């Protein structure tokens, strides 16, 4: 319930990934929120909404737990990783992240997820 207004605000933003006619820009489970978009500026816009929401409700996101997954092909095309911020704090880029037990990697395959499940 606490994050429902945040999810409503994120849903009103024209940023994310289109699947068919629907636009998706976040996953949420309990107090975990994962934002995603097809552009760096789109992801930053979603992060800014989360940051403003946390200021309004006087709570902090755990900056040490926040990570950004950048697809490897983006780095190849742009020759560098983007820098994203939550307020004044830089967000760490990571080669892999786990969301609800599924491992996503910058290589955009599921080999690491399969290896983790086998282990």
PDB file of N, CA and C in Angstrom:
ATOM      1  N   UNK A   1       0.820  -1.191   0.000  1.00  0.00           N
ATOM      2  CA  UNK A   1       0.000   0.000   0.000  1.00  0.00           C
ATOM      3  C   UNK A   1       0.870   1.264   0.000  1.00  0.00           C
ATOM      4  N   UNK A   2       1.971   1.207   0.748  1.00  0.00           N
ATOM      5  CA  UNK A   2       2.807   2.393   0.895  1.00  0.00           C
ATOM      6  C   UNK A   2       3.368   2.865  -0.447  1.00  0.00           C
ATOM      7  N   UNK A   3       3.719   1.923  -1.320  1.00  0.00           N
ATOM      8  CA  UNK A   3       4.320   2.292  -2.597  1.00  0.00           C
ATOM      9  C   UNK A   3       3.299   2.422  -3.725  1.00  0.00           C
ATOM     10  N   UNK A   4       2.027   2.199  -3.447  1.00  0.00           N
ATOM     11  CA  UNK A   4       1.034   2.196  -4.527  1.00  0.00           C
ATOM     12  C   UNK A   4       0.977   3.542  -5.248  1.00  0.00           C
ATOM     13  N   UNK A   5       1.082   4.646  -4.524  1.00  0.00           N
ATOM     14  CA  UNK A   5       1.059   5.966  -5.174  1.00  0.00           C
ATOM     15  C   UNK A   5       2.303   6.155  -6.040  1.00  0.00           C
ATOM     16  N   UNK A   6       3.460   5.663  -5.572  1.00  0.00           N
ATOM     17  CA  UNK A   6       4.678   5.747  -6.381  1.00  0.00           C
ATOM     18  C   UNK A   6       4.491   4.979  -7.675  1.00  0.00           C
ATOM     19  N   UNK A   7       3.951   3.781  -7.599  1.00  0.00           N
ATOM     20  CA  UNK A   7       3.741   2.973  -8.804  1.00  0.00           C
ATOM     21  C   UNK A   7       2.765   3.654  -9.753  1.00  0.00           C
ATOM     22  N   UNK A   8       1.753   4.309  -9.202  1.00  0.00           N
ATOM     23  CA  UNK A   8       0.802   5.063 -10.017  1.00  0.00           C
ATOM     24  C   UNK A   8       1.516   6.197 -10.743  1.00  0.00           C
ATOM     25  N   UNK A   9       2.400   6.913 -10.035  1.00  0.00           N
ATOM     26  CA  UNK A   9       3.150   8.004 -10.646  1.00  0.00           C
ATOM     27  C   UNK A   9       4.084   7.493 -11.739  1.00  0.00           C
ATOM     28  N   UNK A  10       4.758   6.384 -11.493  1.00  0.00           N
ATOM     29  CA  UNK A  10       5.646   5.798 -12.509  1.00  0.00           C
ATOM     30  C   UNK A  10       4.860   5.362 -13.731  1.00  0.00           C
ATOM     31  N   UNK A  11       3.661   4.826 -13.505  1.00  0.00           N
ATOM     32  CA  UNK A  11       2.827   4.367 -14.612  1.00  0.00           C
ATOM     33  C   UNK A  11       2.407   5.521 -15.517  1.00  0.00           C
ATOM     34  N   UNK A  12       2.351   6.733 -14.980  1.00  0.00           N
ATOM     35  CA  UNK A  12       1.940   7.894 -15.771  1.00  0.00           C
ATOM     36  C   UNK A  12       3.043   8.500 -16.620  1.00  0.00           C
ATOM     37  N   UNK A  13       4.234   7.917 -16.571  1.00  0.00           N
ATOM     38  CA  UNK A  13       5.375   8.449 -17.309  1.00  0.00           C
ATOM     39  C   UNK A  13       5.514   7.690 -18.630  1.00  0.00           C
ATOM     40  N   UNK A  14       5.773   8.409 -19.695  1.00  0.00           N
ATOM     41  CA  UNK A  14       5.919   7.782 -21.015  1.00  0.00           C
ATOM     42  C   UNK A  14       7.370   7.326 -21.232  1.00  0.00           C
ATOM     43  N   UNK A  15       7.865   6.521 -20.305  1.00  0.00           N
ATOM     44  CA  UNK A  15       9.206   5.922 -20.385  1.00  0.00           C
ATOM     45  C   UNK A  15       9.066   4.452 -20.015  1.00  0.00           C
ATOM     46  N   UNK A  16       9.897   3.623 -20.597  1.00  0.00           N
ATOM     47  CA  UNK A  16       9.860   2.210 -20.262  1.00  0.00           C
ATOM     48  C   UNK A  16      10.167   1.351 -21.468  1.00  0.00           C
ATOM     49  N   UNK A  17       9.668   0.132 -21.414  1.00  0.00           N
ATOM     50  CA  UNK A  17       9.840  -0.823 -22.501  1.00  0.00           C
ATOM     51  C   UNK A  17       8.458  -1.231 -22.999  1.00  0.00           C
ATOM     52  N   UNK A  18       8.274  -1.172 -24.303  1.00  0.00           N
ATOM     53  CA  UNK A  18       6.980  -1.494 -24.888  1.00  0.00           C
ATOM     54  C   UNK A  18       6.921  -2.986 -25.217  1.00  0.00           C
ATOM     55  N   UNK A  19       5.851  -3.612 -24.752  1.00  0.00           N
ATOM     56  CA  UNK A  19       5.559  -5.010 -25.072  1.00  0.00           C
ATOM     57  C   UNK A  19       4.159  -5.002 -25.659  1.00  0.00           C
ATOM     58  N   UNK A  20       4.085  -5.214 -26.965  1.00  0.00           N
ATOM     59  CA  UNK A  20       2.798  -5.076 -27.640  1.00  0.00           C
ATOM     60  C   UNK A  20       2.357  -3.629 -27.535  1.00  0.00           C
ATOM     61  N   UNK A  21       1.145  -3.410 -27.087  1.00  0.00           N
ATOM     62  CA  UNK A  21       0.640  -2.039 -26.953  1.00  0.00           C
ATOM     63  C   UNK A  21       0.851  -1.466 -25.550  1.00  0.00           C
ATOM     64  N   UNK A  22       1.410  -2.255 -24.630  1.00  0.00           N
ATOM     65  CA  UNK A  22       1.602  -1.807 -23.237  1.00  0.00           C
ATOM     66  C   UNK A  22       3.022  -1.292 -23.016  1.00  0.00           C
ATOM     67  N   UNK A  23       3.140  -0.315 -22.147  1.00  0.00           N
ATOM     68  CA  UNK A  23       4.425   0.244 -21.763  1.00  0.00           C
ATOM     69  C   UNK A  23       4.691  -0.120 -20.308  1.00  0.00           C
ATOM     70  N   UNK A  24       5.821  -0.765 -20.046  1.00  0.00           N
ATOM     71  CA  UNK A  24       6.194  -1.175 -18.694  1.00  0.00           C
ATOM     72  C   UNK A  24       7.467  -0.438 -18.288  1.00  0.00           C
ATOM     73  N   UNK A  25       7.514   0.024 -17.016  1.00  0.00           N
ATOM     74  CA  UNK A  25       8.724   0.722 -16.581  1.00  0.00           C
ATOM     75  C   UNK A  25       9.160   0.363 -15.161  1.00  0.00           C
ATOM     76  N   UNK A  26       8.461  -0.588 -14.519  1.00  0.00           N
ATOM     77  CA  UNK A  26       8.925  -1.004 -13.203  1.00  0.00           C
ATOM     78  C   UNK A  26       8.346  -2.360 -12.815  1.00  0.00           C
ATOM     79  N   UNK A  27       9.085  -3.037 -11.943  1.00  0.00           N
ATOM     80  CA  UNK A  27       8.621  -4.210 -11.216  1.00  0.00           C
ATOM     81  C   UNK A  27       8.600  -3.792  -9.752  1.00  0.00           C
ATOM     82  N   UNK A  28       7.624  -4.253  -9.013  1.00  0.00           N
ATOM     83  CA  UNK A  28       7.605  -3.960  -7.586  1.00  0.00           C
ATOM     84  C   UNK A  28       7.140  -5.192  -6.834  1.00  0.00           C
ATOM     85  N   UNK A  29       7.828  -5.452  -5.739  1.00  0.00           N
ATOM     86  CA  UNK A  29       7.463  -6.554  -4.861  1.00  0.00           C
ATOM     87  C   UNK A  29       7.827  -6.151  -3.448  1.00  0.00           C
ATOM     88  N   UNK A  30       6.828  -6.111  -2.570  1.00  0.00           N
ATOM     89  CA  UNK A  30       7.015  -5.639  -1.190  1.00  0.00           C
ATOM     90  C   UNK A  30       7.618  -4.240  -1.239  1.00  0.00           C
ATOM     91  N   UNK A  31       8.826  -4.056  -0.705  1.00  0.00           N
ATOM     92  CA  UNK A  31       9.426  -2.720  -0.723  1.00  0.00           C
ATOM     93  C   UNK A  31      10.540  -2.590  -1.758  1.00  0.00           C
ATOM     94  N   UNK A  32      10.624  -3.530  -2.689  1.00  0.00           N
ATOM     95  CA  UNK A  32      11.618  -3.462  -3.757  1.00  0.00           C
ATOM     96  C   UNK A  32      10.966  -2.931  -5.033  1.00  0.00           C
ATOM     97  N   UNK A  33      11.612  -1.948  -5.642  1.00  0.00           N
ATOM     98  CA  UNK A  33      11.130  -1.379  -6.894  1.00  0.00           C
ATOM     99  C   UNK A  33      12.275  -1.433  -7.888  1.00  0.00           C
ATOM    100  N   UNK A  34      12.020  -1.972  -9.071  1.00  0.00           N
ATOM    101  CA  UNK A  34      13.017  -2.014 -10.142  1.00  0.00           C
ATOM    102  C   UNK A  34      12.481  -1.201 -11.312  1.00  0.00           C
ATOM    103  N   UNK A  35      13.231  -0.172 -11.714  1.00  0.00           N
ATOM    104  CA  UNK A  35      12.837   0.679 -12.841  1.00  0.00           C
ATOM    105  C   UNK A  35      13.605   0.264 -14.079  1.00  0.00           C
ATOM    106  N   UNK A  36      12.978   0.411 -15.238  1.00  0.00           N
ATOM    107  CA  UNK A  36      13.676   0.138 -16.490  1.00  0.00           C
ATOM    108  C   UNK A  36      13.072   0.956 -17.616  1.00  0.00           C
ATOM    109  N   UNK A  37      13.923   1.317 -18.564  1.00  0.00           N
ATOM    110  CA  UNK A  37      13.505   2.094 -19.729  1.00  0.00           C
ATOM    111  C   UNK A  37      14.482   1.811 -20.860  1.00  0.00           C
ATOM    112  N   UNK A  38      14.115   2.250 -22.049  1.00  0.00           N
ATOM    113  CA  UNK A  38      14.954   1.996 -23.219  1.00  0.00           C
ATOM    114  C   UNK A  38      16.014   3.068 -23.429  1.00  0.00           C
ATOM    115  N   UNK A  39      15.994   4.132 -22.619  1.00  0.00           N
ATOM    116  CA  UNK A  39      17.003   5.183 -22.737  1.00  0.00           C
ATOM    117  C   UNK A  39      17.553   5.524 -21.352  1.00  0.00           C
ATOM    118  N   UNK A  40      18.759   6.042 -21.331  1.00  0.00           N
ATOM    119  CA  UNK A  40      19.377   6.459 -20.075  1.00  0.00           C
ATOM    120  C   UNK A  40      18.572   7.596 -19.453  1.00  0.00           C
ATOM    121  N   UNK A  41      18.160   8.555 -20.265  1.00  0.00           N
ATOM    122  CA  UNK A  41      17.382   9.677 -19.726  1.00  0.00           C
ATOM    123  C   UNK A  41      16.035   9.192 -19.193  1.00  0.00           C
ATOM    124  N   UNK A  42      15.478   8.152 -19.808  1.00  0.00           N
ATOM    125  CA  UNK A  42      14.227   7.589 -19.316  1.00  0.00           C
ATOM    126  C   UNK A  42      14.385   6.946 -17.953  1.00  0.00           C
ATOM    127  N   UNK A  43      15.461   6.189 -17.774  1.00  0.00           N
ATOM    128  CA  UNK A  43      15.722   5.572 -16.469  1.00  0.00           C
ATOM    129  C   UNK A  43      15.963   6.656 -15.424  1.00  0.00           C
ATOM    130  N   UNK A  44      16.727   7.688 -15.781  1.00  0.00           N
ATOM    131  CA  UNK A  44      16.993   8.762 -14.831  1.00  0.00           C
ATOM    132  C   UNK A  44      15.697   9.465 -14.442  1.00  0.00           C
ATOM    133  N   UNK A  45      14.792   9.650 -15.385  1.00  0.00           N
ATOM    134  CA  UNK A  45      13.509  10.281 -15.082  1.00  0.00           C
ATOM    135  C   UNK A  45      12.726   9.439 -14.067  1.00  0.00           C
ATOM    136  N   UNK A  46      12.725   8.129 -14.239  1.00  0.00           N
ATOM    137  CA  UNK A  46      12.032   7.239 -13.303  1.00  0.00           C
ATOM    138  C   UNK A  46      12.684   7.272 -11.925  1.00  0.00           C
ATOM    139  N   UNK A  47      14.005   7.287 -11.893  1.00  0.00           N
ATOM    140  CA  UNK A  47      14.731   7.370 -10.618  1.00  0.00           C
ATOM    141  C   UNK A  47      14.410   8.686  -9.916  1.00  0.00           C
ATOM    142  N   UNK A  48      14.323   9.772 -10.676  1.00  0.00           N
ATOM    143  CA  UNK A  48      13.999  11.070 -10.090  1.00  0.00           C
ATOM    144  C   UNK A  48      12.615  11.058  -9.445  1.00  0.00           C
ATOM    145  N   UNK A  49      11.671  10.389 -10.065  1.00  0.00           N
ATOM    146  CA  UNK A  49      10.325  10.278  -9.489  1.00  0.00           C
ATOM    147  C   UNK A  49      10.395   9.523  -8.167  1.00  0.00           C
ATOM    148  N   UNK A  50      11.171   8.442  -8.128  1.00  0.00           N
ATOM    149  CA  UNK A  50      11.340   7.684  -6.884  1.00  0.00           C
ATOM    150  C   UNK A  50      12.001   8.538  -5.814  1.00  0.00           C
ATOM    151  N   UNK A  51      12.996   9.323  -6.200  1.00  0.00           N
ATOM    152  CA  UNK A  51      13.699  10.182  -5.255  1.00  0.00           C
ATOM    153  C   UNK A  51      12.753  11.227  -4.674  1.00  0.00           C
ATOM    154  N   UNK A  52      11.965  11.868  -5.520  1.00  0.00           N
ATOM    155  CA  UNK A  52      11.007  12.873  -5.055  1.00  0.00           C
ATOM    156  C   UNK A  52       9.967  12.243  -4.126  1.00  0.00           C
ATOM    157  N   UNK A  53       9.531  11.043  -4.446  1.00  0.00           N
ATOM    158  CA  UNK A  53       8.554  10.338  -3.613  1.00  0.00           C
ATOM    159  C   UNK A  53       9.138  10.064  -2.224  1.00  0.00           C
ATOM    160  N   UNK A  54      10.408   9.657  -2.198  1.00  0.00           N
ATOM    161  CA  UNK A  54      11.033   9.370  -0.903  1.00  0.00           C
ATOM    162  C   UNK A  54      11.192  10.644  -0.071  1.00  0.00           C
ATOM    163  N   UNK A  55      11.467  11.759  -0.713  1.00  0.00           N
ATOM    164  CA  UNK A  55      11.568  13.027   0.020  1.00  0.00           C
ATOM    165  C   UNK A  55      10.206  13.440   0.577  1.00  0.00           C
ATOM    166  N   UNK A  56       9.163  13.250  -0.227  1.00  0.00           N
ATOM    167  CA  UNK A  56       7.826  13.622   0.215  1.00  0.00           C
ATOM    168  C   UNK A  56       7.387  12.798   1.428  1.00  0.00           C
ATOM    169  N   UNK A  57       7.732  11.498   1.431  1.00  0.00           N
ATOM    170  CA  UNK A  57       7.305  10.613   2.514  1.00  0.00           C
ATOM    171  C   UNK A  57       8.391  10.399   3.562  1.00  0.00           C
ATOM    172  N   UNK A  58       9.487  11.143   3.447  1.00  0.00           N
ATOM    173  CA  UNK A  58      10.568  11.149   4.436  1.00  0.00           C
ATOM    174  C   UNK A  58      11.152   9.757   4.718  1.00  0.00           C
ATOM    175  N   UNK A  59      11.543   9.074   3.654  1.00  0.00           N
ATOM    176  CA  UNK A  59      12.290   7.830   3.812  1.00  0.00           C
ATOM    177  C   UNK A  59      13.438   7.853   2.819  1.00  0.00           C
ATOM    178  N   UNK A  60      14.384   6.959   3.008  1.00  0.00           N
ATOM    179  CA  UNK A  60      15.548   6.902   2.121  1.00  0.00           C
ATOM    180  C   UNK A  60      15.638   5.529   1.481  1.00  0.00           C
ATOM    181  N   UNK A  61      15.997   5.526   0.209  1.00  0.00           N
ATOM    182  CA  UNK A  61      16.333   4.279  -0.460  1.00  0.00           C
ATOM    183  C   UNK A  61      17.756   3.920  -0.040  1.00  0.00           C
ATOM    184  N   UNK A  62      18.034   2.646   0.148  1.00  0.00           N
ATOM    185  CA  UNK A  62      19.369   2.206   0.532  1.00  0.00           C
ATOM    186  C   UNK A  62      20.320   2.289  -0.649  1.00  0.00           C
ATOM    187  N   UNK A  63      21.082   3.370  -0.745  1.00  0.00           N
ATOM    188  CA  UNK A  63      21.947   3.612  -1.904  1.00  0.00           C
ATOM    189  C   UNK A  63      22.941   2.475  -2.112  1.00  0.00           C
ATOM    190  N   UNK A  64      23.349   1.793  -1.047  1.00  0.00           N
ATOM    191  CA  UNK A  64      24.288   0.679  -1.203  1.00  0.00           C
ATOM    192  C   UNK A  64      23.627  -0.545  -1.823  1.00  0.00           C
ATOM    193  N   UNK A  65      22.308  -0.610  -1.799  1.00  0.00           N
ATOM    194  CA  UNK A  65      21.583  -1.736  -2.392  1.00  0.00           C
ATOM    195  C   UNK A  65      21.132  -1.455  -3.821  1.00  0.00           C
ATOM    196  N   UNK A  66      21.207  -0.197  -4.235  1.00  0.00           N
ATOM    197  CA  UNK A  66      20.734   0.189  -5.563  1.00  0.00           C
ATOM    198  C   UNK A  66      21.829  -0.076  -6.578  1.00  0.00           C
ATOM    199  N   UNK A  67      21.443  -0.734  -7.668  1.00  0.00           N
ATOM    200  CA  UNK A  67      22.400  -1.008  -8.741  1.00  0.00           C
ATOM    201  C   UNK A  67      21.729  -0.783 -10.087  1.00  0.00           C
ATOM    202  N   UNK A  68      22.531  -0.510 -11.068  1.00  0.00           N
ATOM    203  CA  UNK A  68      22.043  -0.280 -12.419  1.00  0.00           C
ATOM    204  C   UNK A  68      22.657  -1.322 -13.347  1.00  0.00           C
ATOM    205  N   UNK A  69      21.828  -1.961 -14.133  1.00  0.00           N
ATOM    206  CA  UNK A  69      22.290  -2.947 -15.104  1.00  0.00           C
ATOM    207  C   UNK A  69      22.231  -2.312 -16.493  1.00  0.00           C
ATOM    208  N   UNK A  70      23.377  -2.201 -17.127  1.00  0.00           N
ATOM    209  CA  UNK A  70      23.477  -1.616 -18.461  1.00  0.00           C
ATOM    210  C   UNK A  70      23.782  -2.747 -19.441  1.00  0.00           C
ATOM    211  N   UNK A  71      22.954  -2.930 -20.472  1.00  0.00           N
ATOM    212  CA  UNK A  71      23.253  -3.984 -21.456  1.00  0.00           C
ATOM    213  C   UNK A  71      24.623  -3.764 -22.095  1.00  0.00           C
ATOM    214  N   UNK A  72      25.351  -4.850 -22.290  1.00  0.00           N
ATOM    215  CA  UNK A  72      26.708  -4.773 -22.830  1.00  0.00           C
ATOM    216  C   UNK A  72      26.737  -4.112 -24.204  1.00  0.00           C
ATOM    217  N   UNK A  73      25.695  -4.326 -25.008  1.00  0.00           N
ATOM    218  CA  UNK A  73      25.693  -3.724 -26.340  1.00  0.00           C
ATOM    219  C   UNK A  73      25.625  -2.198 -26.267  1.00  0.00           C
ATOM    220  N   UNK A  74      25.021  -1.640 -25.210  1.00  0.00           N
ATOM    221  CA  UNK A  74      24.978  -0.184 -25.050  1.00  0.00           C
ATOM    222  C   UNK A  74      26.392   0.364 -24.843  1.00  0.00           C
ATOM    223  N   UNK A  75      27.147  -0.296 -23.997  1.00  0.00           N
ATOM    224  CA  UNK A  75      28.519   0.142 -23.714  1.00  0.00           C
ATOM    225  C   UNK A  75      29.366   0.032 -24.977  1.00  0.00           C
ATOM    226  N   UNK A  76      29.140  -1.013 -25.775  1.00  0.00           N
ATOM    227  CA  UNK A  76      29.877  -1.184 -27.033  1.00  0.00           C
ATOM    228  C   UNK A  76      29.574  -0.042 -27.998  1.00  0.00           C
ATOM    229  N   UNK A  77      28.314   0.332 -28.093  1.00  0.00           N
ATOM    230  CA  UNK A  77      27.909   1.400 -29.016  1.00  0.00           C
ATOM    231  C   UNK A  77      28.401   2.762 -28.529  1.00  0.00           C
ATOM    232  N   UNK A  78      28.273   3.036 -27.249  1.00  0.00           N
ATOM    233  CA  UNK A  78      28.573   4.371 -26.694  1.00  0.00           C
ATOM    234  C   UNK A  78      29.986   4.509 -26.148  1.00  0.00           C
ATOM    235  N   UNK A  79      30.726   3.420 -26.069  1.00  0.00           N
ATOM    236  CA  UNK A  79      32.105   3.421 -25.565  1.00  0.00           C
ATOM    237  C   UNK A  79      32.226   3.774 -24.082  1.00  0.00           C
ATOM    238  N   UNK A  80      31.126   3.852 -23.358  1.00  0.00           N
ATOM    239  CA  UNK A  80      31.200   4.104 -21.920  1.00  0.00           C
ATOM    240  C   UNK A  80      29.863   3.762 -21.274  1.00  0.00           C
ATOM    241  N   UNK A  81      29.935   3.535 -19.962  1.00  0.00           N
ATOM    242  CA  UNK A  81      28.715   3.295 -19.202  1.00  0.00           C
ATOM    243  C   UNK A  81      28.119   4.633 -18.779  1.00  0.00           C
ATOM    244  N   UNK A  82      26.802   4.735 -18.764  1.00  0.00           N
ATOM    245  CA  UNK A  82      26.192   5.982 -18.294  1.00  0.00           C
ATOM    246  C   UNK A  82      26.310   6.111 -16.782  1.00  0.00           C
ATOM    247  N   UNK A  83      26.166   7.322 -16.300  1.00  0.00           N
ATOM    248  CA  UNK A  83      26.171   7.587 -14.873  1.00  0.00           C
ATOM    249  C   UNK A  83      24.782   8.059 -14.468  1.00  0.00           C
ATOM    250  N   UNK A  84      24.188   7.346 -13.509  1.00  0.00           N
ATOM    251  CA  UNK A  84      22.858   7.681 -13.020  1.00  0.00           C
ATOM    252  C   UNK A  84      22.950   8.087 -11.555  1.00  0.00           C
ATOM    253  N   UNK A  85      21.994   8.895 -11.099  1.00  0.00           N
ATOM    254  CA  UNK A  85      22.019   9.412  -9.737  1.00  0.00           C
ATOM    255  C   UNK A  85      20.667   9.262  -9.064  1.00  0.00           C
ATOM    256  N   UNK A  86      20.712   8.937  -7.789  1.00  0.00           N
ATOM    257  CA  UNK A  86      19.556   9.009  -6.913  1.00  0.00           C
ATOM    258  C   UNK A  86      19.813  10.213  -6.014  1.00  0.00           C
ATOM    259  N   UNK A  87      19.157  11.321  -6.305  1.00  0.00           N
ATOM    260  CA  UNK A  87      19.482  12.567  -5.625  1.00  0.00           C
ATOM    261  C   UNK A  87      20.907  12.961  -5.974  1.00  0.00           C
ATOM    262  N   UNK A  88      21.749  13.139  -4.959  1.00  0.00           N
ATOM    263  CA  UNK A  88      23.158  13.485  -5.185  1.00  0.00           C
ATOM    264  C   UNK A  88      24.075  12.263  -5.181  1.00  0.00           C
ATOM    265  N   UNK A  89      23.505  11.073  -5.013  1.00  0.00           N
ATOM    266  CA  UNK A  89      24.305   9.854  -4.902  1.00  0.00           C
ATOM    267  C   UNK A  89      24.386   9.121  -6.234  1.00  0.00           C
ATOM    268  N   UNK A  90      25.614   8.822  -6.659  1.00  0.00           N
ATOM    269  CA  UNK A  90      25.802   8.070  -7.884  1.00  0.00           C
ATOM    270  C   UNK A  90      25.400   6.615  -7.659  1.00  0.00           C
ATOM    271  N   UNK A  91      24.716   6.047  -8.646  1.00  0.00           N
ATOM    272  CA  UNK A  91      24.277   4.655  -8.576  1.00  0.00           C
ATOM    273  C   UNK A  91      25.344   3.771  -9.203  1.00  0.00           C
ATOM    274  N   UNK A  92      25.673   2.696  -8.513  1.00  0.00           N
ATOM    275  CA  UNK A  92      26.686   1.747  -8.977  1.00  0.00           C
ATOM    276  C   UNK A  92      26.148   0.932 -10.160  1.00  0.00           C
ATOM    277  N   UNK A  93      26.950   0.799 -11.207  1.00  0.00           N
ATOM    278  CA  UNK A  93      26.610  -0.075 -12.325  1.00  0.00           C
ATOM    279  C   UNK A  93      27.076  -1.490 -12.012  1.00  0.00           C
ATOM    280  N   UNK A  94      26.283  -2.470 -12.407  1.00  0.00           N
ATOM    281  CA  UNK A  94      26.584  -3.856 -12.095  1.00  0.00           C
ATOM    282  C   UNK A  94      26.452  -4.718 -13.348  1.00  0.00           C
ATOM    283  N   UNK A  95      27.190  -5.822 -13.382  1.00  0.00           N
ATOM    284  CA  UNK A  95      27.095  -6.753 -14.509  1.00  0.00           C
ATOM    285  C   UNK A  95      25.894  -7.678 -14.398  1.00  0.00           C
ATOM    286  N   UNK A  96      25.344  -7.813 -13.174  1.00  0.00           N
ATOM    287  CA  UNK A  96      24.177  -8.676 -12.990  1.00  0.00           C
ATOM    288  C   UNK A  96      23.364  -8.199 -11.795  1.00  0.00           C
ATOM    289  N   UNK A  97      22.076  -8.465 -11.856  1.00  0.00           N
ATOM    290  CA  UNK A  97      21.179  -8.176 -10.741  1.00  0.00           C
ATOM    291  C   UNK A  97      20.175  -9.310 -10.621  1.00  0.00           C
ATOM    292  N   UNK A  98      19.689  -9.505  -9.413  1.00  0.00           N
ATOM    293  CA  UNK A  98      18.647 -10.503  -9.163  1.00  0.00           C
ATOM    294  C   UNK A  98      17.352  -9.785  -8.834  1.00  0.00           C
ATOM    295  N   UNK A  99      16.300 -10.170  -9.551  1.00  0.00           N
ATOM    296  CA  UNK A  99      14.966  -9.632  -9.296  1.00  0.00           C
ATOM    297  C   UNK A  99      14.040 -10.816  -9.107  1.00  0.00           C
ATOM    298  N   UNK A 100      13.527 -10.950  -7.883  1.00  0.00           N
ATOM    299  CA  UNK A 100      12.612 -12.047  -7.548  1.00  0.00           C
ATOM    300  C   UNK A 100      13.188 -13.406  -7.935  1.00  0.00           C
ATOM    301  N   UNK A 101      14.475 -13.596  -7.679  1.00  0.00           N
ATOM    302  CA  UNK A 101      15.109 -14.880  -7.920  1.00  0.00           C
ATOM    303  C   UNK A 101      15.566 -15.126  -9.344  1.00  0.00           C
ATOM    304  N   UNK A 102      15.366 -14.162 -10.227  1.00  0.00           N
ATOM    305  CA  UNK A 102      15.818 -14.290 -11.613  1.00  0.00           C
ATOM    306  C   UNK A 102      17.043 -13.406 -11.785  1.00  0.00           C
ATOM    307  N   UNK A 103      18.126 -13.991 -12.305  1.00  0.00           N
ATOM    308  CA  UNK A 103      19.366 -13.248 -12.517  1.00  0.00           C
ATOM    309  C   UNK A 103      19.372 -12.668 -13.925  1.00  0.00           C
ATOM    310  N   UNK A 104      19.473 -11.346 -14.000  1.00  0.00           N
ATOM    311  CA  UNK A 104      19.597 -10.643 -15.276  1.00  0.00           C
ATOM    312  C   UNK A 104      21.040 -10.182 -15.399  1.00  0.00           C
ATOM    313  N   UNK A 105      21.610 -10.302 -16.605  1.00  0.00           N
ATOM    314  CA  UNK A 105      23.005  -9.912 -16.808  1.00  0.00           C
ATOM    315  C   UNK A 105      23.123  -8.901 -17.941  1.00  0.00           C
ATOM    316  N   UNK A 106      24.249  -8.201 -17.954  1.00  0.00           N
ATOM    317  CA  UNK A 106      24.496  -7.222 -19.007  1.00  0.00           C
ATOM    318  C   UNK A 106      24.664  -7.880 -20.372  1.00  0.00           C
ATOM    319  N   UNK A 107      24.952  -9.182 -20.374  1.00  0.00           N
ATOM    320  CA  UNK A 107      25.100  -9.901 -21.645  1.00  0.00           C
ATOM    321  C   UNK A 107      23.754 -10.292 -22.238  1.00  0.00           C
ATOM    322  N   UNK A 108      22.686  -9.979 -21.538  1.00  0.00           N
ATOM    323  CA  UNK A 108      21.304 -10.222 -21.954  1.00  0.00           C
ATOM    324  C   UNK A 108      21.018 -11.680 -22.313  1.00  0.00           C
ATOM    325  N   UNK A 109      21.640 -12.588 -21.572  1.00  0.00           N
ATOM    326  CA  UNK A 109      21.281 -13.994 -21.691  1.00  0.00           C
ATOM    327  C   UNK A 109      21.016 -14.528 -20.283  1.00  0.00           C
ATOM    328  N   UNK A 110      20.584 -15.753 -20.185  1.00  0.00           N
ATOM    329  CA  UNK A 110      20.233 -16.306 -18.878  1.00  0.00           C
ATOM    330  C   UNK A 110      21.188 -17.403 -18.415  1.00  0.00           C
ATOM    331  N   UNK A 111      22.398 -17.431 -18.961  1.00  0.00           N
ATOM    332  CA  UNK A 111      23.368 -18.453 -18.574  1.00  0.00           C
ATOM    333  C   UNK A 111      23.689 -18.391 -17.073  1.00  0.00           C
ATOM    334  N   UNK A 112      23.911 -17.192 -16.545  1.00  0.00           N
ATOM    335  CA  UNK A 112      24.235 -17.059 -15.124  1.00  0.00           C
ATOM    336  C   UNK A 112      23.044 -17.467 -14.258  1.00  0.00           C
ATOM    337  N   UNK A 113      21.835 -17.132 -14.698  1.00  0.00           N
ATOM    338  CA  UNK A 113      20.646 -17.532 -13.947  1.00  0.00           C
ATOM    339  C   UNK A 113      20.541 -19.045 -13.879  1.00  0.00           C
ATOM    340  N   UNK A 114      20.752 -19.721 -14.995  1.00  0.00           N
ATOM    341  CA  UNK A 114      20.698 -21.184 -15.025  1.00  0.00           C
ATOM    342  C   UNK A 114      21.781 -21.770 -14.129  1.00  0.00           C
ATOM    343  N   UNK A 115      22.992 -21.225 -14.214  1.00  0.00           N
ATOM    344  CA  UNK A 115      24.081 -21.701 -13.357  1.00  0.00           C
ATOM    345  C   UNK A 115      23.738 -21.518 -11.874  1.00  0.00           C
ATOM    346  N   UNK A 116      23.162 -20.378 -11.528  1.00  0.00           N
ATOM    347  CA  UNK A 116      22.774 -20.129 -10.137  1.00  0.00           C
ATOM    348  C   UNK A 116      21.719 -21.111  -9.678  1.00  0.00           C
ATOM    349  N   UNK A 117      20.757 -21.414 -10.504  1.00  0.00           N
ATOM    350  CA  UNK A 117      19.689 -22.350 -10.123  1.00  0.00           C
ATOM    351  C   UNK A 117      20.242 -23.771  -9.979  1.00  0.00           C
ATOM    352  N   UNK A 118      21.166 -24.153 -10.832  1.00  0.00           N
ATOM    353  CA  UNK A 118      21.770 -25.489 -10.740  1.00  0.00           C
ATOM    354  C   UNK A 118      22.555 -25.609  -9.434  1.00  0.00           C
ATOM    355  N   UNK A 119      23.301 -24.559  -9.095  1.00  0.00           N
ATOM    356  CA  UNK A 119      24.074 -24.558  -7.866  1.00  0.00           C
ATOM    357  C   UNK A 119      23.164 -24.623  -6.670  1.00  0.00           C
TER     358      UNK A 119
END
